[in-house]
Structure formats: C-alpha cells, structure tokens
C-alpha cells in the first residue's frame, strides 16, 4: 500500500514554489497525484475528465488524417495522453513553461510519464506557449509548414483567472488572430476553463474564428458529491 501522503518533489520556480504530491485516497482506494504552485492547485489526477474532453472535443472537430497537434500545458499529461489515443494524430508537440514538470515525466515520477516520453509522435518542449504559438517562425521544425491541425490549451484556470498576469493579453482578438494563422484552414483551437461559459470570451472567439462553441463538461464530484463542471471552448478557422 502507498504512503498516505508523500511530497515527491518541491522546487522553486520563477512563478512560485512548485510541488508534486502523491496521497492515498482511502475511500476510492487510489493514489492521487497533485501539482501545486504555491497554494494554488494546478492539477489533480482525481479530476481528469475536463482534460481528456479537451482533447476529444477538439480532435472530433479536426478534419482529415495525419493530424499535427499542439498542446499548451503538460501538467500530469492527461490531455496529451488523450491526444495520443487518437489514431489520426501524426505528431504532438506539448509546450510547458516549467522545465521541472517535463523532468518529472522523463523521470517517470508521474503515471503517464512512460507513455508520453516513449511515444515517438510526442515531443515535450520547454517554452512559453503564449509567445511560441503566435510567433511567425517558432515551432516550424515540428510540422512541415509550421502550422497545426489542432491547438489545445490548458494552462490558465480560465481566460479571466490566469496564473500569470502576462497571460491575460492572449485572450484578445489580435493574439488569437496570430494563433489562428498557425492553424490549418478548417483547423481547431480548443481551450479548457474551470469556470462556466463566458459569453464575452465566446464572442471574441467568434470574431476571430469562423465559429466557436462553449461545451459544458460534467463529471462526478468525489469530494462533495453530485457533479462539477468545466467548460471547453472549441473554435474553428475558416476553410
């Protein structure tokens, strides 16, 4: 049996104190992995439906085969894992700003580390998604023409509740337009949010992309009972 609680890693980063923890949930009889930044919970293996639905909903709208996919935010890897489950995916680039999180996967400190680091389609890249995804030349080495068929983003809690104040500017017309230029015609941008659908942000997406929809994702609340919800925004480029 696993220890009831163990801090696997603690390190100081430019964004704050980052920790990876594992605890035993006696009621569910499972090990729960958690990532915290200072006192803020970034991710828990107890709640993964939103992350996997980000991949499922985004890729369900992507047309064709041999898909090149970009994921912003690695975390515990559940979005990336769901992307790799899609047989149409040719390549996956996961951009993570915290190098330590990538190291955890290579060191197999997290359950999905082995799968993500051994799959030849998957490339874990240390960098700032928000600057790399909208730059005219960055990431060109990973795809034939520097564009992707789907871009999936799971970094901030929501477009209004960001981890870093510098991220807030991304959720506006001009940066989103630059991102859209990195997506193939008819391609997809999908975004996870921990908050209910935001009509104003949906309107921004519809102004920038050909269309956009906010999907409410429900999942069991293992702590308080009942259900909880996330939101997944899915937008498509013209074409």
Protein backbone atom coordinates (compact mmCIF):
# COMPACT_ATOMS: atom_id res chain seq x y z
CA UNK A 1 0.00 0.00 0.00
CA UNK A 2 1.23 3.52 -0.77
CA UNK A 3 2.02 6.05 1.94
CA UNK A 4 -0.98 8.17 2.88
CA UNK A 5 0.89 11.30 1.81
CA UNK A 6 4.23 11.98 0.14
CA UNK A 7 5.75 15.11 -1.37
CA UNK A 8 7.66 13.72 -4.32
CA UNK A 9 9.27 16.97 -5.49
CA UNK A 10 9.48 20.55 -4.27
CA UNK A 11 11.30 23.24 -6.21
CA UNK A 12 11.43 26.99 -6.56
CA UNK A 13 10.49 28.50 -9.95
CA UNK A 14 10.08 31.98 -11.37
CA UNK A 15 6.32 31.56 -10.91
CA UNK A 16 6.50 30.34 -7.32
CA UNK A 17 7.02 27.17 -5.27
CA UNK A 18 6.16 24.12 -7.37
CA UNK A 19 5.40 20.77 -5.79
CA UNK A 20 4.36 17.30 -6.90
CA UNK A 21 2.49 15.31 -4.27
CA UNK A 22 1.05 11.84 -4.02
CA UNK A 23 -1.61 10.90 -1.48
CA UNK A 24 -3.72 7.84 -0.89
CA UNK A 25 -7.49 8.33 -1.10
CA UNK A 26 -8.86 5.68 1.29
CA UNK A 27 -12.45 5.92 0.06
CA UNK A 28 -11.58 5.46 -3.62
CA UNK A 29 -8.54 3.25 -2.88
CA UNK A 30 -6.38 5.03 -5.43
CA UNK A 31 -3.19 7.09 -5.41
CA UNK A 32 -3.92 10.72 -6.24
CA UNK A 33 -1.21 12.85 -7.85
CA UNK A 34 -1.41 16.62 -7.39
CA UNK A 35 0.55 19.59 -8.70
CA UNK A 36 0.58 22.80 -6.66
CA UNK A 37 2.05 26.22 -7.42
CA UNK A 38 2.40 27.97 -4.07
CA UNK A 39 -1.07 27.39 -2.54
CA UNK A 40 -2.80 27.04 -5.90
CA UNK A 41 -3.81 23.56 -7.10
CA UNK A 42 -2.89 23.27 -10.79
CA UNK A 43 -3.96 19.71 -11.44
CA UNK A 44 -5.08 16.51 -9.73
CA UNK A 45 -5.35 13.00 -11.11
CA UNK A 46 -8.68 12.84 -9.27
CA UNK A 47 -10.19 15.27 -11.80
CA UNK A 48 -9.22 14.46 -15.39
CA UNK A 49 -12.48 14.44 -17.36
CA UNK A 50 -12.08 18.07 -18.41
CA UNK A 51 -8.53 17.44 -19.66
CA UNK A 52 -9.50 14.39 -21.69
CA UNK A 53 -12.63 16.08 -23.04
CA UNK A 54 -10.46 18.98 -24.22
CA UNK A 55 -8.67 16.52 -26.48
CA UNK A 56 -11.78 14.60 -27.50
CA UNK A 57 -13.91 17.64 -28.33
CA UNK A 58 -11.07 19.43 -30.07
CA UNK A 59 -9.97 16.50 -32.22
CA UNK A 60 -13.56 15.50 -33.05
CA UNK A 61 -13.81 18.79 -34.96
CA UNK A 62 -10.47 18.36 -36.75
CA UNK A 63 -10.84 17.10 -40.30
CA UNK A 64 -8.70 14.59 -42.18
CA UNK A 65 -5.87 12.30 -41.17
CA UNK A 66 -2.18 12.79 -40.31
CA UNK A 67 -3.03 15.45 -37.77
CA UNK A 68 -0.33 17.67 -36.27
CA UNK A 69 -1.42 18.77 -32.79
CA UNK A 70 -0.07 21.41 -30.40
CA UNK A 71 -0.93 21.28 -26.69
CA UNK A 72 -0.22 24.19 -24.36
CA UNK A 73 0.41 22.92 -20.83
CA UNK A 74 1.70 19.47 -19.83
CA UNK A 75 0.70 19.06 -16.18
CA UNK A 76 0.12 15.40 -15.38
CA UNK A 77 -0.26 14.68 -19.10
CA UNK A 78 -3.91 13.65 -19.38
CA UNK A 79 -4.69 15.90 -22.36
CA UNK A 80 -1.57 14.72 -24.19
CA UNK A 81 -2.40 11.10 -23.39
CA UNK A 82 -5.90 11.50 -24.83
CA UNK A 83 -4.44 13.09 -27.98
CA UNK A 84 -2.16 10.10 -28.49
CA UNK A 85 -5.17 7.78 -28.21
CA UNK A 86 -6.48 9.30 -31.46
CA UNK A 87 -5.08 7.17 -34.33
CA UNK A 88 -5.28 10.09 -36.78
CA UNK A 89 -2.62 12.02 -34.88
CA UNK A 90 0.70 12.13 -36.72
CA UNK A 91 2.61 14.38 -34.32
CA UNK A 92 2.09 16.03 -30.95
CA UNK A 93 4.05 18.96 -29.54
CA UNK A 94 3.42 19.77 -25.87
CA UNK A 95 4.76 23.15 -24.72
CA UNK A 96 5.37 23.51 -20.98
CA UNK A 97 6.83 26.62 -19.32
CA UNK A 98 8.10 24.79 -16.22
CA UNK A 99 11.06 22.60 -17.11
CA UNK A 100 10.68 20.68 -13.84
CA UNK A 101 7.30 19.34 -14.97
CA UNK A 102 8.89 17.91 -18.13
CA UNK A 103 11.65 16.37 -15.98
CA UNK A 104 9.02 14.62 -13.83
CA UNK A 105 7.72 12.83 -16.91
CA UNK A 106 11.18 11.77 -18.07
CA UNK A 107 11.95 10.53 -14.55
CA UNK A 108 8.64 8.58 -14.51
CA UNK A 109 7.52 10.31 -11.32
CA UNK A 110 4.01 10.64 -12.74
CA UNK A 111 1.85 7.79 -14.05
CA UNK A 112 1.78 8.90 -17.71
CA UNK A 113 5.47 9.76 -17.95
CA UNK A 114 6.46 6.50 -19.60
CA UNK A 115 3.77 6.67 -22.27
CA UNK A 116 4.44 10.31 -23.20
CA UNK A 117 8.22 10.01 -23.32
CA UNK A 118 8.31 6.76 -25.29
CA UNK A 119 5.72 7.58 -27.97
CA UNK A 120 7.75 8.79 -30.97
CA UNK A 121 4.92 11.10 -32.05
CA UNK A 122 5.15 13.11 -28.83
CA UNK A 123 7.64 15.93 -28.23
CA UNK A 124 7.79 17.69 -24.85
CA UNK A 125 9.12 21.21 -25.37
CA UNK A 126 10.20 23.67 -22.70
CA UNK A 127 8.95 27.15 -23.59
CA UNK A 128 6.29 29.82 -23.28
CA UNK A 129 3.23 28.70 -25.21
CA UNK A 130 1.82 32.21 -25.46
CA UNK A 131 4.85 33.59 -27.27
CA UNK A 132 5.72 30.47 -29.24
CA UNK A 133 2.27 29.64 -30.61
CA UNK A 134 1.67 33.01 -32.23
CA UNK A 135 5.21 33.72 -33.45
CA UNK A 136 5.67 33.54 -37.25
CA UNK A 137 8.56 31.03 -37.20
CA UNK A 138 8.66 29.28 -33.82
CA UNK A 139 7.81 25.53 -33.82
CA UNK A 140 8.38 25.27 -37.59
CA UNK A 141 10.72 22.31 -37.00
CA UNK A 142 7.85 20.19 -35.69
CA UNK A 143 5.48 20.37 -38.69
CA UNK A 144 6.01 20.54 -42.47
CA UNK A 145 4.83 24.15 -42.76
CA UNK A 146 4.80 25.43 -39.17
CA UNK A 147 1.04 25.04 -38.83
CA UNK A 148 -1.13 22.67 -36.82
CA UNK A 149 -4.48 21.00 -37.40
CA UNK A 150 -5.47 21.43 -33.75
CA UNK A 151 -4.22 23.60 -30.90
CA UNK A 152 -5.41 22.62 -27.40
CA UNK A 153 -4.76 24.93 -24.47
CA UNK A 154 -4.91 24.06 -20.76
CA UNK A 155 -2.73 26.46 -18.77
CA UNK A 156 -4.81 29.10 -17.00
CA UNK A 157 -7.85 28.43 -14.82
CA UNK A 158 -9.91 30.48 -17.30
CA UNK A 159 -9.45 33.45 -19.65
CA UNK A 160 -10.24 35.72 -16.69
CA UNK A 161 -8.42 33.76 -13.96
CA UNK A 162 -4.85 33.48 -15.21
CA UNK A 163 -1.79 32.03 -13.48
CA UNK A 164 0.42 34.89 -14.64
CA UNK A 165 -0.82 38.44 -15.35
CA UNK A 166 1.18 38.38 -18.58
CA UNK A 167 -1.15 35.67 -19.93
CA UNK A 168 -4.24 37.90 -19.83
CA UNK A 169 -3.42 39.70 -23.08
CA UNK A 170 -3.53 36.44 -25.05
CA UNK A 171 -7.31 36.08 -24.74
CA UNK A 172 -7.99 39.04 -27.04
CA UNK A 173 -8.58 39.50 -30.75
CA UNK A 174 -5.06 40.23 -32.00
CA UNK A 175 -3.13 37.44 -30.20
CA UNK A 176 -5.86 34.93 -31.03
CA UNK A 177 -5.70 36.04 -34.67
CA UNK A 178 -1.96 35.36 -34.71
CA UNK A 179 -2.61 31.93 -33.26
CA UNK A 180 -5.29 31.28 -35.89
CA UNK A 181 -2.63 31.91 -38.55
CA UNK A 182 -0.70 28.93 -37.14
CA UNK A 183 -3.70 26.63 -37.66
CA UNK A 184 -4.60 24.99 -40.98
CA UNK A 185 -7.81 26.15 -42.72
CA UNK A 186 -10.68 24.28 -41.11
CA UNK A 187 -8.47 23.53 -38.12
CA UNK A 188 -9.38 23.78 -34.45
CA UNK A 189 -8.46 25.79 -31.38
CA UNK A 190 -9.84 24.37 -28.12
CA UNK A 191 -9.47 25.79 -24.62
CA UNK A 192 -10.16 24.31 -21.17
CA UNK A 193 -11.67 26.52 -18.45
CA UNK A 194 -12.53 25.81 -14.85
CA UNK A 195 -15.35 28.38 -14.92
CA UNK A 196 -18.82 28.42 -16.54
CA UNK A 197 -19.13 29.55 -20.17
CA UNK A 198 -18.12 33.18 -20.65
CA UNK A 199 -20.33 34.79 -23.29
CA UNK A 200 -17.91 37.68 -23.80
CA UNK A 201 -14.98 35.37 -24.46
CA UNK A 202 -17.10 33.21 -26.77
CA UNK A 203 -17.90 36.39 -28.72
CA UNK A 204 -14.18 37.15 -29.01
CA UNK A 205 -13.58 33.66 -30.41
CA UNK A 206 -16.43 34.04 -32.91
CA UNK A 207 -14.99 37.36 -34.06
CA UNK A 208 -11.57 35.80 -34.63
CA UNK A 209 -12.51 32.33 -35.88
CA UNK A 210 -15.18 31.10 -38.28
CA UNK A 211 -17.28 29.73 -35.42
CA UNK A 212 -16.99 28.87 -31.74
CA UNK A 213 -18.97 26.87 -29.19
CA UNK A 214 -18.71 26.56 -25.40
CA UNK A 215 -19.27 22.98 -24.21
CA UNK A 216 -20.14 22.29 -20.57
CA UNK A 217 -18.40 19.13 -19.32
CA UNK A 218 -19.90 17.39 -16.28
CA UNK A 219 -18.07 14.91 -14.04
CA UNK A 220 -18.58 13.32 -10.60
CA UNK A 221 -17.50 15.35 -7.58
CA UNK A 222 -15.73 12.75 -5.44
CA UNK A 223 -15.32 15.16 -2.52
CA UNK A 224 -18.67 16.92 -2.10
CA UNK A 225 -20.88 14.53 -4.03
CA UNK A 226 -23.04 15.32 -7.05
CA UNK A 227 -21.39 16.70 -10.16
CA UNK A 228 -19.00 19.50 -11.06
CA UNK A 229 -18.45 21.18 -14.40
CA UNK A 230 -15.70 22.56 -16.61
CA UNK A 231 -16.00 24.40 -19.92
CA UNK A 232 -14.29 23.50 -23.19
CA UNK A 233 -14.36 26.15 -25.92
CA UNK A 234 -13.96 24.85 -29.46
CA UNK A 235 -13.31 27.28 -32.33
CA UNK A 236 -12.65 26.55 -36.00
CA UNK A 237 -10.59 28.50 -38.52
CA UNK A 238 -12.21 29.41 -41.88
CA UNK A 239 -11.78 26.95 -44.70
